[in-house]
Amino acid sequence: GSVEITLVKNGEIEFAESLRMGTVRLLQMFPHTPRRESEFRTWAKSY
C-alpha cells in the first residue's frame, strides 16, 4: 500500500516519508492496458 523512504545520517533518521504508492494499491489504480500504462507513467513521474 505504500513505500517508505528513509534518509539516515550517522545512525539518526533525518527524513522519513510514506508515499501512498505500494504495488497492490497501484495495481488497483492502474489496471494494465496500454492507455492506463501511459496514465500511470505520467502520474508516477509527477509524483
All heavy atoms as atom14 arrays in JSON, in Angstrom:
{
  "sequence": "GSVEITLVKNGEIEFAESLRMGTVRLLQMFPHTPRRESEFRTWAKSY",
  "atom14_mask": [
    [1, 1, 1, 1, 0, 0, 0, 0, 0, 0, 0, 0, 0, 0],
    [1, 1, 1, 1, 1, 1, 0, 0, 0, 0, 0, 0, 0, 0],
    [1, 1, 1, 1, 1, 1, 1, 0, 0, 0, 0, 0, 0, 0],
    [1, 1, 1, 1, 1, 1, 1, 1, 1, 0, 0, 0, 0, 0],
    [1, 1, 1, 1, 1, 1, 1, 1, 0, 0, 0, 0, 0, 0],
    [1, 1, 1, 1, 1, 1, 1, 0, 0, 0, 0, 0, 0, 0],
    [1, 1, 1, 1, 1, 1, 1, 1, 0, 0, 0, 0, 0, 0],
    [1, 1, 1, 1, 1, 1, 1, 0, 0, 0, 0, 0, 0, 0],
    [1, 1, 1, 1, 1, 1, 1, 1, 1, 0, 0, 0, 0, 0],
    [1, 1, 1, 1, 1, 1, 1, 1, 0, 0, 0, 0, 0, 0],
    [1, 1, 1, 1, 0, 0, 0, 0, 0, 0, 0, 0, 0, 0],
    [1, 1, 1, 1, 1, 1, 1, 1, 1, 0, 0, 0, 0, 0],
    [1, 1, 1, 1, 1, 1, 1, 1, 0, 0, 0, 0, 0, 0],
    [1, 1, 1, 1, 1, 1, 1, 1, 1, 0, 0, 0, 0, 0],
    [1, 1, 1, 1, 1, 1, 1, 1, 1, 1, 1, 0, 0, 0],
    [1, 1, 1, 1, 1, 0, 0, 0, 0, 0, 0, 0, 0, 0],
    [1, 1, 1, 1, 1, 1, 1, 1, 1, 0, 0, 0, 0, 0],
    [1, 1, 1, 1, 1, 1, 0, 0, 0, 0, 0, 0, 0, 0],
    [1, 1, 1, 1, 1, 1, 1, 1, 0, 0, 0, 0, 0, 0],
    [1, 1, 1, 1, 1, 1, 1, 1, 1, 1, 1, 0, 0, 0],
    [1, 1, 1, 1, 1, 1, 1, 1, 0, 0, 0, 0, 0, 0],
    [1, 1, 1, 1, 0, 0, 0, 0, 0, 0, 0, 0, 0, 0],
    [1, 1, 1, 1, 1, 1, 1, 0, 0, 0, 0, 0, 0, 0],
    [1, 1, 1, 1, 1, 1, 1, 0, 0, 0, 0, 0, 0, 0],
    [1, 1, 1, 1, 1, 1, 1, 1, 1, 1, 1, 0, 0, 0],
    [1, 1, 1, 1, 1, 1, 1, 1, 0, 0, 0, 0, 0, 0],
    [1, 1, 1, 1, 1, 1, 1, 1, 0, 0, 0, 0, 0, 0],
    [1, 1, 1, 1, 1, 1, 1, 1, 1, 0, 0, 0, 0, 0],
    [1, 1, 1, 1, 1, 1, 1, 1, 0, 0, 0, 0, 0, 0],
    [1, 1, 1, 1, 1, 1, 1, 1, 1, 1, 1, 0, 0, 0],
    [1, 1, 1, 1, 1, 1, 1, 0, 0, 0, 0, 0, 0, 0],
    [1, 1, 1, 1, 1, 1, 1, 1, 1, 1, 0, 0, 0, 0],
    [1, 1, 1, 1, 1, 1, 1, 0, 0, 0, 0, 0, 0, 0],
    [1, 1, 1, 1, 1, 1, 1, 0, 0, 0, 0, 0, 0, 0],
    [1, 1, 1, 1, 1, 1, 1, 1, 1, 1, 1, 0, 0, 0],
    [1, 1, 1, 1, 1, 1, 1, 1, 1, 1, 1, 0, 0, 0],
    [1, 1, 1, 1, 1, 1, 1, 1, 1, 0, 0, 0, 0, 0],
    [1, 1, 1, 1, 1, 1, 0, 0, 0, 0, 0, 0, 0, 0],
    [1, 1, 1, 1, 1, 1, 1, 1, 1, 0, 0, 0, 0, 0],
    [1, 1, 1, 1, 1, 1, 1, 1, 1, 1, 1, 0, 0, 0],
    [1, 1, 1, 1, 1, 1, 1, 1, 1, 1, 1, 0, 0, 0],
    [1, 1, 1, 1, 1, 1, 1, 0, 0, 0, 0, 0, 0, 0],
    [1, 1, 1, 1, 1, 1, 1, 1, 1, 1, 1, 1, 1, 1],
    [1, 1, 1, 1, 1, 0, 0, 0, 0, 0, 0, 0, 0, 0],
    [1, 1, 1, 1, 1, 1, 1, 1, 1, 0, 0, 0, 0, 0],
    [1, 1, 1, 1, 1, 1, 0, 0, 0, 0, 0, 0, 0, 0],
    [1, 1, 1, 1, 1, 1, 1, 1, 1, 1, 1, 1, 0, 0]
  ],
  "atom14_positions": [
    [[0.78, -1.22, 0.0], [0.0, 0.0, 0.0], [0.81, 1.27, 0.0], [0.3, 2.34, -0.28], [0.0, 0.0, 0.0], [0.0, 0.0, 0.0], [0.0, 0.0, 0.0], [0.0, 0.0, 0.0], [0.0, 0.0, 0.0], [0.0, 0.0, 0.0], [0.0, 0.0, 0.0], [0.0, 0.0, 0.0], [0.0, 0.0, 0.0], [0.0, 0.0, 0.0]],
    [[2.09, 1.15, 0.33], [2.91, 2.36, 0.42], [4.38, 2.01, 0.22], [4.77, 0.85, 0.23], [2.73, 3.02, 1.8], [3.17, 2.15, 2.83], [0.0, 0.0, 0.0], [0.0, 0.0, 0.0], [0.0, 0.0, 0.0], [0.0, 0.0, 0.0], [0.0, 0.0, 0.0], [0.0, 0.0, 0.0], [0.0, 0.0, 0.0], [0.0, 0.0, 0.0]],
    [[5.16, 3.06, 0.03], [6.6, 2.93, 0.01], [7.11, 3.95, 1.03], [6.69, 5.1, 1.04], [7.23, 3.14, -1.39], [6.91, 4.5, -1.97], [8.73, 2.91, -1.37], [0.0, 0.0, 0.0], [0.0, 0.0, 0.0], [0.0, 0.0, 0.0], [0.0, 0.0, 0.0], [0.0, 0.0, 0.0], [0.0, 0.0, 0.0], [0.0, 0.0, 0.0]],
    [[7.96, 3.47, 1.94], [8.57, 4.35, 2.94], [9.97, 4.68, 2.48], [10.75, 3.79, 2.16], [8.61, 3.66, 4.32], [7.33, 3.76, 5.09], [6.15, 3.07, 4.43], [6.26, 1.92, 3.99], [5.09, 3.72, 4.32], [0.0, 0.0, 0.0], [0.0, 0.0, 0.0], [0.0, 0.0, 0.0], [0.0, 0.0, 0.0], [0.0, 0.0, 0.0]],
    [[10.26, 5.97, 2.43], [11.59, 6.45, 2.06], [12.21, 7.03, 3.33], [11.61, 7.88, 3.99], [11.52, 7.56, 0.99], [10.71, 7.11, -0.23], [12.91, 8.05, 0.62], [11.35, 6.01, -1.04], [0.0, 0.0, 0.0], [0.0, 0.0, 0.0], [0.0, 0.0, 0.0], [0.0, 0.0, 0.0], [0.0, 0.0, 0.0], [0.0, 0.0, 0.0]],
    [[13.4, 6.56, 3.66], [14.05, 6.99, 4.9], [15.49, 7.39, 4.61], [16.23, 6.64, 3.97], [14.05, 5.84, 5.93], [12.73, 5.33, 6.06], [14.57, 6.32, 7.28], [0.0, 0.0, 0.0], [0.0, 0.0, 0.0], [0.0, 0.0, 0.0], [0.0, 0.0, 0.0], [0.0, 0.0, 0.0], [0.0, 0.0, 0.0], [0.0, 0.0, 0.0]],
    [[15.87, 8.55, 5.08], [17.25, 9.0, 4.99], [17.84, 8.93, 6.39], [17.29, 9.51, 7.33], [17.33, 10.44, 4.47], [18.73, 11.05, 4.47], [19.63, 10.33, 3.46], [18.68, 12.54, 4.17], [0.0, 0.0, 0.0], [0.0, 0.0, 0.0], [0.0, 0.0, 0.0], [0.0, 0.0, 0.0], [0.0, 0.0, 0.0], [0.0, 0.0, 0.0]],
    [[18.93, 8.19, 6.51], [19.61, 8.04, 7.8], [21.0, 8.64, 7.66], [21.74, 8.33, 6.73], [19.72, 6.54, 8.2], [20.5, 6.39, 9.5], [18.34, 5.91, 8.31], [0.0, 0.0, 0.0], [0.0, 0.0, 0.0], [0.0, 0.0, 0.0], [0.0, 0.0, 0.0], [0.0, 0.0, 0.0], [0.0, 0.0, 0.0], [0.0, 0.0, 0.0]],
    [[21.35, 9.53, 8.6], [22.68, 10.12, 8.64], [23.29, 9.82, 10.0], [22.72, 10.16, 11.04], [22.62, 11.64, 8.46], [22.51, 12.1, 7.05], [22.68, 13.61, 7.0], [22.76, 14.09, 5.58], [22.88, 15.56, 5.54], [0.0, 0.0, 0.0], [0.0, 0.0, 0.0], [0.0, 0.0, 0.0], [0.0, 0.0, 0.0], [0.0, 0.0, 0.0]],
    [[24.44, 9.15, 9.96], [25.17, 8.81, 11.18], [24.26, 8.19, 12.25], [24.29, 8.57, 13.41], [25.9, 10.04, 11.73], [26.91, 10.57, 10.74], [27.58, 9.8, 10.05], [27.02, 11.88, 10.63], [0.0, 0.0, 0.0], [0.0, 0.0, 0.0], [0.0, 0.0, 0.0], [0.0, 0.0, 0.0], [0.0, 0.0, 0.0], [0.0, 0.0, 0.0]],
    [[23.44, 7.25, 11.81], [22.61, 6.48, 12.73], [21.29, 7.12, 13.1], [20.46, 6.5, 13.77], [0.0, 0.0, 0.0], [0.0, 0.0, 0.0], [0.0, 0.0, 0.0], [0.0, 0.0, 0.0], [0.0, 0.0, 0.0], [0.0, 0.0, 0.0], [0.0, 0.0, 0.0], [0.0, 0.0, 0.0], [0.0, 0.0, 0.0], [0.0, 0.0, 0.0]],
    [[21.04, 8.35, 12.66], [19.81, 9.06, 13.03], [18.94, 9.27, 11.79], [19.45, 9.6, 10.72], [20.14, 10.43, 13.64], [20.95, 10.35, 14.92], [20.19, 9.73, 16.07], [18.97, 9.96, 16.17], [20.82, 9.01, 16.87], [0.0, 0.0, 0.0], [0.0, 0.0, 0.0], [0.0, 0.0, 0.0], [0.0, 0.0, 0.0], [0.0, 0.0, 0.0]],
    [[17.65, 9.11, 11.95], [16.73, 9.37, 10.85], [16.64, 10.88, 10.65], [16.26, 11.62, 11.55], [15.33, 8.78, 11.13], [15.41, 7.25, 11.19], [14.33, 9.23, 10.06], [14.1, 6.57, 11.54], [0.0, 0.0, 0.0], [0.0, 0.0, 0.0], [0.0, 0.0, 0.0], [0.0, 0.0, 0.0], [0.0, 0.0, 0.0], [0.0, 0.0, 0.0]],
    [[17.03, 11.32, 9.45], [16.97, 12.73, 9.09], [15.66, 13.07, 8.4], [15.17, 14.19, 8.5], [18.13, 13.08, 8.14], [19.49, 13.03, 8.79], [19.72, 14.21, 9.71], [19.42, 15.35, 9.32], [20.19, 13.98, 10.84], [0.0, 0.0, 0.0], [0.0, 0.0, 0.0], [0.0, 0.0, 0.0], [0.0, 0.0, 0.0], [0.0, 0.0, 0.0]],
    [[15.13, 12.1, 7.67], [13.93, 12.34, 6.88], [13.23, 11.01, 6.7], [13.86, 9.99, 6.43], [14.34, 12.91, 5.51], [13.2, 13.13, 4.57], [12.46, 14.3, 4.6], [12.86, 12.16, 3.63], [11.41, 14.5, 3.72], [11.82, 12.36, 2.75], [11.09, 13.53, 2.79], [0.0, 0.0, 0.0], [0.0, 0.0, 0.0], [0.0, 0.0, 0.0]],
    [[11.91, 11.01, 6.82], [11.12, 9.81, 6.56], [9.8, 10.25, 5.95], [9.18, 11.2, 6.43], [10.89, 9.02, 7.84], [0.0, 0.0, 0.0], [0.0, 0.0, 0.0], [0.0, 0.0, 0.0], [0.0, 0.0, 0.0], [0.0, 0.0, 0.0], [0.0, 0.0, 0.0], [0.0, 0.0, 0.0], [0.0, 0.0, 0.0], [0.0, 0.0, 0.0]],
    [[9.41, 9.57, 4.9], [8.16, 9.9, 4.23], [7.5, 8.61, 3.77], [8.16, 7.69, 3.29], [8.44, 10.79, 3.01], [7.23, 11.23, 2.26], [6.44, 12.33, 2.96], [7.05, 13.1, 3.72], [5.23, 12.41, 2.73], [0.0, 0.0, 0.0], [0.0, 0.0, 0.0], [0.0, 0.0, 0.0], [0.0, 0.0, 0.0], [0.0, 0.0, 0.0]],
    [[6.2, 8.55, 3.94], [5.42, 7.42, 3.47], [4.61, 7.88, 2.27], [3.83, 8.82, 2.37], [4.49, 6.92, 4.58], [3.74, 5.81, 4.14], [0.0, 0.0, 0.0], [0.0, 0.0, 0.0], [0.0, 0.0, 0.0], [0.0, 0.0, 0.0], [0.0, 0.0, 0.0], [0.0, 0.0, 0.0], [0.0, 0.0, 0.0], [0.0, 0.0, 0.0]],
    [[4.83, 7.22, 1.14], [4.12, 7.58, -0.09], [3.07, 6.51, -0.37], [3.36, 5.32, -0.33], [5.09, 7.66, -1.27], [6.31, 8.56, -1.08], [7.25, 8.43, -2.26], [5.87, 9.99, -0.9], [0.0, 0.0, 0.0], [0.0, 0.0, 0.0], [0.0, 0.0, 0.0], [0.0, 0.0, 0.0], [0.0, 0.0, 0.0], [0.0, 0.0, 0.0]],
    [[1.87, 6.94, -0.68], [0.77, 6.01, -0.92], [0.87, 5.46, -2.35], [0.03, 5.74, -3.19], [-0.55, 6.72, -0.69], [-0.74, 7.14, 0.75], [-1.92, 8.06, 0.93], [-3.14, 7.54, 0.38], [-4.11, 6.95, 1.08], [-3.99, 6.81, 2.37], [-5.19, 6.52, 0.49], [0.0, 0.0, 0.0], [0.0, 0.0, 0.0], [0.0, 0.0, 0.0]],
    [[1.92, 4.69, -2.6], [2.11, 4.12, -3.93], [2.74, 2.73, -3.85], [3.74, 2.46, -4.49], [2.88, 5.06, -4.85], [4.2, 5.56, -4.35], [4.98, 6.78, -5.43], [5.24, 5.89, -6.93], [0.0, 0.0, 0.0], [0.0, 0.0, 0.0], [0.0, 0.0, 0.0], [0.0, 0.0, 0.0], [0.0, 0.0, 0.0], [0.0, 0.0, 0.0]],
    [[2.14, 1.85, -3.05], [2.59, 0.47, -2.98], [2.13, -0.33, -4.19], [1.29, 0.12, -4.97], [0.0, 0.0, 0.0], [0.0, 0.0, 0.0], [0.0, 0.0, 0.0], [0.0, 0.0, 0.0], [0.0, 0.0, 0.0], [0.0, 0.0, 0.0], [0.0, 0.0, 0.0], [0.0, 0.0, 0.0], [0.0, 0.0, 0.0], [0.0, 0.0, 0.0]],
    [[2.64, -1.53, -4.32], [2.38, -2.34, -5.5], [0.9, -2.7, -5.66], [0.34, -2.56, -6.75], [3.21, -3.64, -5.46], [2.92, -4.35, -4.25], [4.69, -3.34, -5.54], [0.0, 0.0, 0.0], [0.0, 0.0, 0.0], [0.0, 0.0, 0.0], [0.0, 0.0, 0.0], [0.0, 0.0, 0.0], [0.0, 0.0, 0.0], [0.0, 0.0, 0.0]],
    [[0.25, -3.14, -4.61], [-1.15, -3.54, -4.7], [-2.03, -2.32, -4.97], [-2.94, -2.36, -5.8], [-1.6, -4.3, -3.43], [-3.08, -4.65, -3.49], [-0.77, -5.56, -3.25], [0.0, 0.0, 0.0], [0.0, 0.0, 0.0], [0.0, 0.0, 0.0], [0.0, 0.0, 0.0], [0.0, 0.0, 0.0], [0.0, 0.0, 0.0], [0.0, 0.0, 0.0]],
    [[-1.75, -1.23, -4.28], [-2.52, -0.01, -4.48], [-2.42, 0.46, -5.94], [-3.42, 0.81, -6.56], [-2.02, 1.1, -3.56], [-2.87, 2.38, -3.63], [-2.26, 3.51, -2.82], [-2.02, 3.22, -1.45], [-2.89, 3.42, -0.45], [-4.09, 3.9, -0.71], [-2.56, 3.14, 0.79], [0.0, 0.0, 0.0], [0.0, 0.0, 0.0], [0.0, 0.0, 0.0]],
    [[-1.21, 0.44, -6.5], [-1.03, 0.9, -7.88], [-1.71, -0.03, -8.87], [-2.27, 0.43, -9.88], [0.45, 1.05, -8.2], [1.17, 2.17, -7.44], [2.64, 2.2, -7.78], [0.53, 3.52, -7.7], [0.0, 0.0, 0.0], [0.0, 0.0, 0.0], [0.0, 0.0, 0.0], [0.0, 0.0, 0.0], [0.0, 0.0, 0.0], [0.0, 0.0, 0.0]],
    [[-1.68, -1.34, -8.61], [-2.38, -2.28, -9.5], [-3.88, -2.02, -9.5], [-4.54, -2.16, -10.53], [-2.08, -3.73, -9.1], [-0.68, -4.22, -9.45], [-0.43, -5.59, -8.81], [-0.51, -4.31, -10.96], [0.0, 0.0, 0.0], [0.0, 0.0, 0.0], [0.0, 0.0, 0.0], [0.0, 0.0, 0.0], [0.0, 0.0, 0.0], [0.0, 0.0, 0.0]],
    [[-4.41, -1.64, -8.34], [-5.84, -1.32, -8.27], [-6.14, -0.02, -9.0], [-7.16, 0.1, -9.66], [-6.28, -1.19, -6.81], [-6.34, -2.49, -6.05], [-7.45, -3.38, -6.55], [-7.23, -4.24, -7.37], [-8.65, -3.17, -6.05], [0.0, 0.0, 0.0], [0.0, 0.0, 0.0], [0.0, 0.0, 0.0], [0.0, 0.0, 0.0], [0.0, 0.0, 0.0]],
    [[-5.25, 0.95, -8.88], [-5.47, 2.25, -9.5], [-5.27, 2.22, -11.01], [-5.95, 2.94, -11.75], [-4.5, 3.29, -8.91], [-4.78, 3.67, -7.48], [-3.47, 4.72, -6.79], [-3.55, 6.17, -7.83], [0.0, 0.0, 0.0], [0.0, 0.0, 0.0], [0.0, 0.0, 0.0], [0.0, 0.0, 0.0], [0.0, 0.0, 0.0], [0.0, 0.0, 0.0]],
    [[-4.33, 1.39, -11.46], [-3.96, 1.38, -12.87], [-3.93, -0.05, -13.42], [-2.87, -0.6, -13.67], [-2.58, 2.02, -13.06], [-2.5, 3.45, -12.64], [-2.04, 3.8, -11.39], [-2.93, 4.45, -13.5], [-1.98, 5.13, -10.99], [-2.86, 5.78, -13.11], [-2.39, 6.13, -11.87], [0.0, 0.0, 0.0], [0.0, 0.0, 0.0], [0.0, 0.0, 0.0]],
    [[-5.1, -0.66, -13.64], [-5.1, -1.99, -14.25], [-4.4, -1.91, -15.61], [-4.5, -0.88, -16.29], [-6.59, -2.32, -14.42], [-7.35, -1.27, -13.72], [-6.43, -0.13, -13.41], [0.0, 0.0, 0.0], [0.0, 0.0, 0.0], [0.0, 0.0, 0.0], [0.0, 0.0, 0.0], [0.0, 0.0, 0.0], [0.0, 0.0, 0.0], [0.0, 0.0, 0.0]],
    [[-3.71, -2.96, -15.96], [-2.85, -2.89, -17.14], [-3.64, -2.88, -18.45], [-4.29, -3.83, -18.81], [-1.84, -4.04, -17.16], [-0.82, -3.85, -18.25], [-0.98, -4.38, -19.5], [0.31, -3.13, -18.28], [0.03, -4.02, -20.26], [0.83, -3.26, -19.55], [0.0, 0.0, 0.0], [0.0, 0.0, 0.0], [0.0, 0.0, 0.0], [0.0, 0.0, 0.0]],
    [[-3.54, -1.76, -19.13], [-3.94, -1.59, -20.52], [-2.96, -0.58, -21.08], [-2.35, 0.18, -20.32], [-5.38, -1.04, -20.67], [-5.42, 0.29, -20.17], [-6.41, -1.91, -19.97], [0.0, 0.0, 0.0], [0.0, 0.0, 0.0], [0.0, 0.0, 0.0], [0.0, 0.0, 0.0], [0.0, 0.0, 0.0], [0.0, 0.0, 0.0], [0.0, 0.0, 0.0]],
    [[-2.76, -0.54, -22.39], [-1.81, 0.44, -22.94], [-2.14, 1.87, -22.53], [-1.24, 2.65, -22.18], [-1.93, 0.24, -24.45], [-2.32, -1.2, -24.59], [-3.25, -1.46, -23.42], [0.0, 0.0, 0.0], [0.0, 0.0, 0.0], [0.0, 0.0, 0.0], [0.0, 0.0, 0.0], [0.0, 0.0, 0.0], [0.0, 0.0, 0.0], [0.0, 0.0, 0.0]],
    [[-3.42, 2.25, -22.53], [-3.79, 3.62, -22.15], [-3.51, 3.86, -20.67], [-2.98, 4.89, -20.29], [-5.27, 3.86, -22.45], [-5.69, 5.31, -22.21], [-7.15, 5.54, -22.59], [-8.07, 4.99, -21.62], [-8.44, 5.61, -20.5], [-7.96, 6.78, -20.21], [-9.3, 5.05, -19.68], [0.0, 0.0, 0.0], [0.0, 0.0, 0.0], [0.0, 0.0, 0.0]],
    [[-3.86, 2.91, -19.82], [-3.63, 3.05, -18.38], [-2.14, 3.07, -18.08], [-1.71, 3.73, -17.14], [-4.33, 1.93, -17.61], [-5.83, 1.93, -17.71], [-6.44, 3.15, -17.11], [-6.43, 3.02, -15.66], [-6.83, 3.95, -14.82], [-7.28, 5.09, -15.27], [-6.78, 3.76, -13.53], [0.0, 0.0, 0.0], [0.0, 0.0, 0.0], [0.0, 0.0, 0.0]],
    [[-1.35, 2.33, -18.85], [0.1, 2.35, -18.65], [0.65, 3.75, -18.88], [1.47, 4.25, -18.1], [0.79, 1.34, -19.57], [2.28, 1.25, -19.33], [2.93, 0.16, -20.16], [2.26, -0.83, -20.5], [4.14, 0.31, -20.43], [0.0, 0.0, 0.0], [0.0, 0.0, 0.0], [0.0, 0.0, 0.0], [0.0, 0.0, 0.0], [0.0, 0.0, 0.0]],
    [[0.17, 4.41, -19.91], [0.6, 5.77, -20.19], [0.17, 6.72, -19.07], [0.95, 7.57, -18.63], [0.0, 6.23, -21.53], [0.3, 7.58, -21.75], [0.0, 0.0, 0.0], [0.0, 0.0, 0.0], [0.0, 0.0, 0.0], [0.0, 0.0, 0.0], [0.0, 0.0, 0.0], [0.0, 0.0, 0.0], [0.0, 0.0, 0.0], [0.0, 0.0, 0.0]],
    [[-1.07, 6.56, -18.59], [-1.55, 7.38, -17.47], [-0.7, 7.15, -16.23], [-0.37, 8.09, -15.51], [-3.01, 7.05, -17.16], [-3.99, 7.51, -18.21], [-5.4, 7.03, -17.92], [-5.63, 6.34, -16.91], [-6.29, 7.35, -18.73], [0.0, 0.0, 0.0], [0.0, 0.0, 0.0], [0.0, 0.0, 0.0], [0.0, 0.0, 0.0], [0.0, 0.0, 0.0]],
    [[-0.35, 5.88, -15.99], [0.46, 5.56, -14.83], [1.82, 6.24, -14.91], [2.29, 6.82, -13.94], [0.64, 4.05, -14.68], [1.67, 3.69, -13.65], [1.37, 3.81, -12.3], [2.94, 3.29, -14.02], [2.32, 3.52, -11.33], [3.89, 3.0, -13.05], [3.58, 3.12, -11.71], [0.0, 0.0, 0.0], [0.0, 0.0, 0.0], [0.0, 0.0, 0.0]],
    [[2.45, 6.15, -16.07], [3.77, 6.77, -16.23], [3.71, 8.27, -15.96], [4.56, 8.82, -15.27], [4.32, 6.51, -17.63], [4.76, 5.09, -17.85], [5.23, 4.92, -19.3], [5.38, 3.53, -19.63], [6.53, 2.87, -19.54], [7.6, 3.5, -19.13], [6.59, 1.61, -19.86], [0.0, 0.0, 0.0], [0.0, 0.0, 0.0], [0.0, 0.0, 0.0]],
    [[2.69, 8.93, -16.48], [2.53, 10.36, -16.26], [2.33, 10.65, -14.78], [2.97, 11.54, -14.21], [1.33, 10.89, -17.08], [1.58, 10.63, -18.46], [1.13, 12.38, -16.85], [0.0, 0.0, 0.0], [0.0, 0.0, 0.0], [0.0, 0.0, 0.0], [0.0, 0.0, 0.0], [0.0, 0.0, 0.0], [0.0, 0.0, 0.0], [0.0, 0.0, 0.0]],
    [[1.44, 9.91, -14.15], [1.16, 10.09, -12.73], [2.41, 9.83, -11.89], [2.75, 10.62, -11.01], [0.03, 9.15, -12.31], [-0.26, 9.18, -10.85], [-1.07, 10.06, -10.2], [0.26, 8.29, -9.86], [-1.08, 9.77, -8.86], [-0.27, 8.69, -8.63], [1.13, 7.2, -9.9], [0.03, 8.05, -7.45], [1.43, 6.56, -8.72], [0.88, 6.99, -7.51]],
    [[3.11, 8.7, -12.15], [4.29, 8.34, -11.36], [5.39, 9.39, -11.5], [6.02, 9.77, -10.51], [4.8, 6.96, -11.77], [0.0, 0.0, 0.0], [0.0, 0.0, 0.0], [0.0, 0.0, 0.0], [0.0, 0.0, 0.0], [0.0, 0.0, 0.0], [0.0, 0.0, 0.0], [0.0, 0.0, 0.0], [0.0, 0.0, 0.0], [0.0, 0.0, 0.0]],
    [[5.62, 9.86, -12.71], [6.65, 10.89, -12.92], [6.33, 12.15, -12.13], [7.2, 12.73, -11.49], [6.81, 11.22, -14.4], [7.56, 10.16, -15.18], [7.66, 10.54, -16.64], [8.4, 9.47, -17.42], [8.53, 9.81, -18.85], [0.0, 0.0, 0.0], [0.0, 0.0, 0.0], [0.0, 0.0, 0.0], [0.0, 0.0, 0.0], [0.0, 0.0, 0.0]],
    [[5.07, 12.56, -12.16], [4.66, 13.76, -11.42], [4.85, 13.55, -9.92], [5.37, 14.42, -9.21], [3.2, 14.07, -11.74], [2.74, 15.11, -10.93], [0.0, 0.0, 0.0], [0.0, 0.0, 0.0], [0.0, 0.0, 0.0], [0.0, 0.0, 0.0], [0.0, 0.0, 0.0], [0.0, 0.0, 0.0], [0.0, 0.0, 0.0], [0.0, 0.0, 0.0]],
    [[4.43, 12.41, -9.43], [4.53, 12.08, -8.0], [5.99, 12.06, -7.57], [6.37, 12.63, -6.54], [3.87, 10.72, -7.77], [3.37, 10.49, -6.37], [2.04, 10.74, -6.04], [4.2, 9.98, -5.39], [1.55, 10.5, -4.77], [3.72, 9.74, -4.11], [2.4, 10.0, -3.81], [1.93, 9.78, -2.54], [0.0, 0.0, 0.0], [0.0, 0.0, 0.0]]
  ]
}
